[in-house]
Amino acid sequence: MRIHAKILTFRPAPDQTTMNYDLVLSELRQASPFDLFRLQAAIGKLLDDPGRLTAIKHRLRPGMELTYFSTQENRLIPARLLEIRKTRVAVQDLESGKRWTIPLYMINLENVDADLTPQRNKADRLTLRINDRVGFKGRDGREIFGHVIKLNPKRARIKAGDTIWNVPYSLLFTVIDGEQGEDLLIPAGPGHGIPLEP
């Protein structure tokens, strides 16, 4: 795999760089499964590097507020640090009040914007987050608007009004704030529907 794009961009703070996730992801989409596996193995070793973990621990203080990246929700979660352990920390989610232990490397100490930009208004598992507003066409051709409640490997669970839908990512489109104020069904022309399972 050859990476053609410059994947580091400068941050506002002097002498600090951060990854441009959209450029990295663009390159990774073209990688072979073996390339992805090989990178995953190398990244795993870097994540477990004792020097990196020690550097993270030196910046932490119990009681501090921070954010960590949740792979389940695909977004940053605000939390309070409760306890520092060898390779993990105990945190309390500020939104739900639940307590978790998470690996040190999940903490966003640099306050990096972790969002990925959807390509051409298309939604996918890498860019969608829990509570994102999305739409899709129902069986009868009506556009259905709702919000994401779960991200599964092949389909997203979408709540639209009182109904929960399992929708393939390929059928979803993102909704910009203000396009639809609430979960709605909007009629479309006949013959434009795609069969879906509620």
Protein backbone atom coordinates (compact mmCIF):
# COMPACT_ATOMS: atom_id res chain seq x y z
CA MET A 1 0.00 0.00 0.00
CA ARG A 2 1.32 3.44 -0.90
CA ILE A 3 -0.04 6.46 0.89
CA HIS A 4 -0.23 9.32 -1.58
CA ALA A 5 -1.81 12.04 0.53
CA LYS A 6 -0.23 14.07 3.30
CA ILE A 7 -1.95 12.68 6.38
CA LEU A 8 -0.54 15.00 9.02
CA THR A 9 -1.83 18.52 9.35
CA PHE A 10 -0.70 21.25 11.66
CA ARG A 11 -2.77 22.13 14.71
CA PRO A 12 -3.12 25.70 15.96
CA ALA A 13 -0.69 25.01 18.82
CA PRO A 14 2.95 25.35 17.69
CA ASP A 15 5.02 22.19 17.22
CA GLN A 16 2.01 19.84 17.51
CA THR A 17 0.58 17.75 14.73
CA THR A 18 -2.54 15.64 14.51
CA MET A 19 -3.85 13.10 12.06
CA ASN A 20 -6.22 14.14 9.31
CA TYR A 21 -8.62 11.22 9.76
CA ASP A 22 -10.53 11.89 6.56
CA LEU A 23 -7.36 11.64 4.44
CA VAL A 24 -6.15 8.54 6.30
CA LEU A 25 -9.53 6.87 5.88
CA SER A 26 -9.59 7.77 2.19
CA GLU A 27 -6.29 5.95 1.74
CA LEU A 28 -7.34 2.99 3.91
CA ARG A 29 -10.50 2.42 1.84
CA GLN A 30 -8.17 1.52 -1.04
CA ALA A 31 -6.04 -0.88 1.03
CA SER A 32 -6.21 -4.64 0.68
CA PRO A 33 -7.44 -6.76 3.61
CA PHE A 34 -3.84 -7.86 4.23
CA ASP A 35 -2.65 -4.23 4.30
CA LEU A 36 -5.34 -3.41 6.86
CA PHE A 37 -4.43 -6.46 8.97
CA ARG A 38 -0.73 -5.56 8.89
CA LEU A 39 -1.46 -1.98 9.95
CA GLN A 40 -3.78 -3.22 12.70
CA ALA A 41 -0.95 -5.40 14.08
CA ALA A 42 1.51 -2.49 14.05
CA ILE A 43 -1.00 -0.08 15.61
CA GLY A 44 -1.75 -2.63 18.36
CA LYS A 45 1.93 -2.72 19.28
CA LEU A 46 2.11 1.09 19.34
CA LEU A 47 -0.98 1.30 21.55
CA ASP A 48 0.57 -1.09 24.09
CA ASP A 49 3.94 0.72 24.17
CA PRO A 50 4.80 1.29 27.87
CA GLY A 51 6.45 4.64 27.13
CA ARG A 52 3.30 5.99 25.49
CA LEU A 53 1.10 4.70 28.31
CA THR A 54 3.35 6.29 30.95
CA ALA A 55 3.23 9.63 29.10
CA ILE A 56 -0.58 9.50 29.15
CA LYS A 57 -0.69 8.66 32.88
CA HIS A 58 1.56 11.65 33.70
CA ARG A 59 -1.07 13.98 32.23
CA LEU A 60 -3.99 12.51 34.19
CA ARG A 61 -5.38 13.53 37.59
CA PRO A 62 -8.30 11.86 39.40
CA GLY A 63 -11.35 14.11 39.26
CA MET A 64 -10.44 15.74 35.95
CA GLU A 65 -13.01 15.91 33.16
CA LEU A 66 -12.01 14.41 29.82
CA THR A 67 -13.44 12.77 26.72
CA TYR A 68 -12.87 9.26 25.43
CA PHE A 69 -13.78 7.67 22.14
CA SER A 70 -16.51 5.03 22.30
CA THR A 71 -16.32 2.51 19.47
CA GLN A 72 -19.90 1.40 20.26
CA GLU A 73 -21.32 4.91 19.79
CA ASN A 74 -18.63 6.07 17.35
CA ARG A 75 -18.24 9.38 19.16
CA LEU A 76 -16.48 11.16 22.00
CA ILE A 77 -18.03 10.67 25.45
CA PRO A 78 -17.51 13.25 28.23
CA ALA A 79 -16.40 11.64 31.49
CA ARG A 80 -14.80 12.24 34.89
CA LEU A 81 -11.61 10.35 35.77
CA LEU A 82 -12.05 8.26 38.92
CA GLU A 83 -8.94 6.08 39.14
CA ILE A 84 -5.68 5.50 37.23
CA ARG A 85 -4.52 1.88 36.86
CA LYS A 86 -1.60 0.24 35.06
CA THR A 87 -3.01 0.26 31.50
CA ARG A 88 -6.60 1.40 32.11
CA VAL A 89 -8.55 4.09 33.91
CA ALA A 90 -11.88 4.09 35.71
CA VAL A 91 -14.21 6.84 34.46
CA GLN A 92 -17.77 7.97 35.05
CA ASP A 93 -19.77 8.87 31.97
CA LEU A 94 -21.11 12.42 32.51
CA GLU A 95 -24.16 11.78 30.31
CA SER A 96 -25.40 8.49 31.76
CA GLY A 97 -23.62 8.38 35.13
CA LYS A 98 -22.37 4.85 34.36
CA ARG A 99 -18.86 3.83 35.43
CA TRP A 100 -16.45 2.10 33.08
CA THR A 101 -12.85 1.01 32.87
CA ILE A 102 -11.26 1.93 29.56
CA PRO A 103 -7.78 1.58 28.07
CA LEU A 104 -5.57 4.65 28.48
CA TYR A 105 -5.28 5.11 24.71
CA MET A 106 -9.04 5.78 24.35
CA ILE A 107 -8.64 9.14 26.16
CA ASN A 108 -8.66 12.22 23.92
CA LEU A 109 -6.07 14.32 25.79
CA GLU A 110 -5.34 16.57 22.80
CA ASN A 111 -9.05 17.40 22.29
CA VAL A 112 -8.85 16.14 18.72
CA ASP A 113 -11.98 16.43 16.58
CA ALA A 114 -12.70 12.70 16.12
CA ASP A 115 -15.58 13.08 13.65
CA LEU A 116 -15.23 11.67 10.16
CA THR A 117 -16.88 13.43 7.24
CA PRO A 118 -19.48 11.36 5.36
CA GLN A 119 -18.79 11.05 1.64
CA ARG A 120 -21.38 12.71 -0.62
CA ASN A 121 -24.14 12.76 2.01
CA LYS A 122 -23.90 8.95 2.32
CA ALA A 123 -23.92 7.42 5.77
CA ASP A 124 -21.71 4.49 6.73
CA ARG A 125 -20.59 2.68 9.86
CA LEU A 126 -17.38 4.71 10.10
CA THR A 127 -19.02 8.14 10.02
CA LEU A 128 -22.37 7.57 11.79
CA ARG A 129 -22.71 8.16 15.52
CA ILE A 130 -25.44 7.33 18.00
CA ASN A 131 -28.17 10.02 17.85
CA ASP A 132 -27.15 11.20 14.34
CA ARG A 133 -30.14 12.20 12.21
CA VAL A 134 -30.56 10.13 9.05
CA GLY A 135 -33.14 9.32 6.42
CA PHE A 136 -34.04 6.50 4.03
CA LYS A 137 -36.84 5.51 1.68
CA GLY A 138 -39.41 3.06 3.01
CA ARG A 139 -41.20 0.27 1.16
CA ASP A 140 -43.93 2.61 -0.04
CA GLY A 141 -41.48 5.22 -1.36
CA ARG A 142 -41.90 7.62 1.52
CA GLU A 143 -38.80 9.19 2.98
CA ILE A 144 -38.41 8.28 6.64
CA PHE A 145 -36.37 10.45 8.98
CA GLY A 146 -35.12 9.36 12.38
CA HIS A 147 -32.04 9.04 14.54
CA VAL A 148 -29.47 6.29 15.04
CA ILE A 149 -29.90 4.23 18.20
CA LYS A 150 -27.44 1.38 17.46
CA LEU A 151 -24.64 0.64 14.99
CA ASN A 152 -24.51 -3.03 13.97
CA PRO A 153 -21.98 -4.55 11.56
CA LYS A 154 -24.29 -4.48 8.49
CA ARG A 155 -27.25 -2.32 9.49
CA ALA A 156 -28.05 0.65 11.68
CA ARG A 157 -31.03 0.68 14.03
CA ILE A 158 -33.04 3.82 13.35
CA LYS A 159 -35.83 5.17 15.54
CA ALA A 160 -38.44 7.09 13.56
CA GLY A 161 -41.38 8.13 15.68
CA ASP A 162 -42.49 5.02 17.57
CA THR A 163 -40.98 2.57 15.06
CA ILE A 164 -37.48 1.07 15.08
CA TRP A 165 -36.03 0.08 11.70
CA ASN A 166 -33.00 -2.08 10.81
CA VAL A 167 -31.61 -0.32 7.75
CA PRO A 168 -28.55 -1.28 5.63
CA TYR A 169 -25.96 1.51 5.69
CA SER A 170 -26.07 1.73 1.90
CA LEU A 171 -29.70 2.97 2.05
CA LEU A 172 -29.11 5.72 4.61
CA PHE A 173 -28.38 9.37 3.94
CA THR A 174 -27.35 11.99 6.45
CA VAL A 175 -29.71 14.77 7.47
CA ILE A 176 -28.27 18.20 8.13
CA ASP A 177 -29.66 19.94 11.22
CA GLY A 178 -32.68 21.94 10.19
CA GLU A 179 -33.63 19.77 7.18
CA GLN A 180 -36.14 17.87 9.31
CA GLY A 181 -37.12 19.14 12.73
CA GLU A 182 -38.57 15.83 13.94
CA ASP A 183 -38.86 12.21 12.86
CA LEU A 184 -41.22 12.26 9.87
CA LEU A 185 -42.52 10.19 7.01
CA ILE A 186 -42.56 12.14 3.74
CA PRO A 187 -44.39 10.72 0.70
CA ALA A 188 -42.39 10.10 -2.48
CA GLY A 189 -43.50 9.12 -5.93
CA PRO A 190 -44.79 5.59 -6.61
CA GLY A 191 -42.26 2.89 -7.43
CA HIS A 192 -39.40 4.49 -5.49
CA GLY A 193 -39.70 2.36 -2.36
CA ILE A 194 -37.15 -0.15 -1.16
CA PRO A 195 -38.36 -3.11 0.91
CA LEU A 196 -37.13 -2.83 4.50
CA GLU A 197 -37.85 -4.68 7.70
CA PRO A 198 -39.27 -2.60 10.56
